Amino acid sequence: MLTCPHCKAKGISVWAKLWSGSYTSVQCASCGHYYCIRQTVKRVFCGLRYAVGLIVFFVALLFDPVISLTAYAVFLITLEYLLALTGSLTEAPEIKSQRRQ
């Protein structure tokens, strides 16, 4: 479980944080606030996935495909882990619009 930015309790699961985005948000189990990972952070990680994927594809064509594809799988798992731990949460957009009313 990860720490909620609002109540500082361990109320957000890692998987929920990974799946959160502009259309889905994660709710803290302790205080009920909704959060999502910033889209700019998700875009950077997505760009890294595609860039490294293309490099691995061409390396796999030239050299040993098993080693390069295994290294790519390890890279993807590590990248998702980093996103879960370092991706900053922001208040979900639909909640911001509801509070303005």
Protein backbone atom coordinates (compact mmCIF):
# COMPACT_ATOMS: atom_id res chain seq x y z
CA MET A 1 0.00 0.00 0.00
CA LEU A 2 1.13 3.53 -0.78
CA THR A 3 0.75 6.72 1.22
CA CYS A 4 -2.21 9.01 0.47
CA PRO A 5 -1.17 12.65 -0.17
CA HIS A 6 -4.20 13.91 1.80
CA CYS A 7 -4.39 11.85 4.99
CA LYS A 8 -0.84 10.36 4.94
CA ALA A 9 -2.25 6.87 5.63
CA LYS A 10 -1.38 3.73 3.66
CA GLY A 11 -4.65 3.65 1.71
CA ILE A 12 -3.73 3.38 -1.99
CA SER A 13 -2.79 0.08 -3.59
CA VAL A 14 0.10 -0.13 -6.06
CA TRP A 15 -2.03 -1.70 -8.80
CA ALA A 16 -4.74 0.92 -8.44
CA LYS A 17 -2.14 3.66 -8.77
CA LEU A 18 -0.68 2.05 -11.90
CA TRP A 19 -4.09 1.90 -13.58
CA SER A 20 -5.09 5.43 -12.64
CA GLY A 21 -5.03 8.12 -15.29
CA SER A 22 -7.15 10.88 -16.75
CA TYR A 23 -10.21 8.62 -17.14
CA THR A 24 -9.82 6.46 -14.06
CA SER A 25 -8.85 7.50 -10.58
CA VAL A 26 -7.90 5.73 -7.40
CA GLN A 27 -9.70 6.25 -4.11
CA CYS A 28 -7.88 6.25 -0.81
CA ALA A 29 -9.24 3.51 1.46
CA SER A 30 -8.73 5.68 4.53
CA CYS A 31 -10.09 9.13 3.66
CA GLY A 32 -11.99 8.59 0.39
CA HIS A 33 -10.20 11.22 -1.71
CA TYR A 34 -9.72 10.47 -5.41
CA TYR A 35 -6.31 10.75 -7.08
CA CYS A 36 -4.65 9.88 -10.38
CA ILE A 37 -1.14 9.88 -11.83
CA ARG A 38 -0.39 13.02 -13.83
CA GLN A 39 -0.72 12.53 -17.56
CA THR A 40 2.68 14.05 -18.26
CA VAL A 41 4.34 11.40 -16.08
CA LYS A 42 2.43 8.60 -17.83
CA ARG A 43 3.36 10.00 -21.25
CA VAL A 44 7.07 10.06 -20.38
CA PHE A 45 6.95 6.44 -19.22
CA CYS A 46 4.96 5.44 -22.30
CA GLY A 47 7.53 7.12 -24.55
CA LEU A 48 10.32 5.25 -22.79
CA ARG A 49 8.49 1.97 -23.36
CA TYR A 50 8.15 2.59 -27.10
CA ALA A 51 11.69 3.90 -27.58
CA VAL A 52 13.33 1.01 -25.76
CA GLY A 53 10.96 -1.42 -27.47
CA LEU A 54 12.11 -0.24 -30.90
CA ILE A 55 15.76 -0.47 -29.91
CA VAL A 56 15.24 -4.00 -28.55
CA PHE A 57 13.41 -5.01 -31.74
CA PHE A 58 16.32 -3.97 -33.93
CA VAL A 59 18.88 -5.52 -31.57
CA ALA A 60 16.85 -8.75 -31.61
CA LEU A 61 16.99 -8.76 -35.42
CA LEU A 62 20.75 -8.35 -35.41
CA PHE A 63 21.76 -10.50 -32.43
CA ASP A 64 20.21 -13.04 -30.10
CA PRO A 65 16.44 -12.43 -29.79
CA VAL A 66 16.01 -14.39 -26.55
CA ILE A 67 18.48 -12.31 -24.57
CA SER A 68 17.25 -8.97 -25.90
CA LEU A 69 13.56 -9.80 -25.39
CA THR A 70 14.28 -11.04 -21.86
CA ALA A 71 16.13 -7.81 -21.13
CA TYR A 72 13.13 -5.86 -22.50
CA ALA A 73 10.75 -7.75 -20.22
CA VAL A 74 12.95 -6.96 -17.21
CA PHE A 75 13.06 -3.31 -18.31
CA LEU A 76 9.24 -3.13 -18.55
CA ILE A 77 8.78 -4.63 -15.10
CA THR A 78 11.33 -2.22 -13.64
CA LEU A 79 9.69 0.73 -15.39
CA GLU A 80 6.25 -0.15 -14.01
CA TYR A 81 7.75 -0.50 -10.53
CA LEU A 82 9.36 2.94 -10.83
CA LEU A 83 6.10 4.46 -12.05
CA ALA A 84 4.25 3.00 -9.09
CA LEU A 85 6.76 4.30 -6.57
CA THR A 86 7.76 7.66 -8.06
CA GLY A 87 4.77 8.77 -10.12
CA SER A 88 3.25 11.66 -8.22
CA LEU A 89 -0.46 11.60 -7.51
CA THR A 90 -2.64 14.59 -8.21
CA GLU A 91 -6.27 15.18 -7.34
CA ALA A 92 -8.55 13.62 -9.94
CA PRO A 93 -9.93 16.15 -12.48
CA GLU A 94 -13.59 15.17 -12.04
CA ILE A 95 -13.33 15.80 -8.31
CA LYS A 96 -11.83 19.26 -8.88
CA SER A 97 -14.76 20.22 -11.11
CA GLN A 98 -17.28 18.97 -8.53
CA ARG A 99 -15.73 21.06 -5.76
CA ARG A 100 -15.97 24.28 -7.80
CA GLN A 101 -19.77 24.07 -7.97
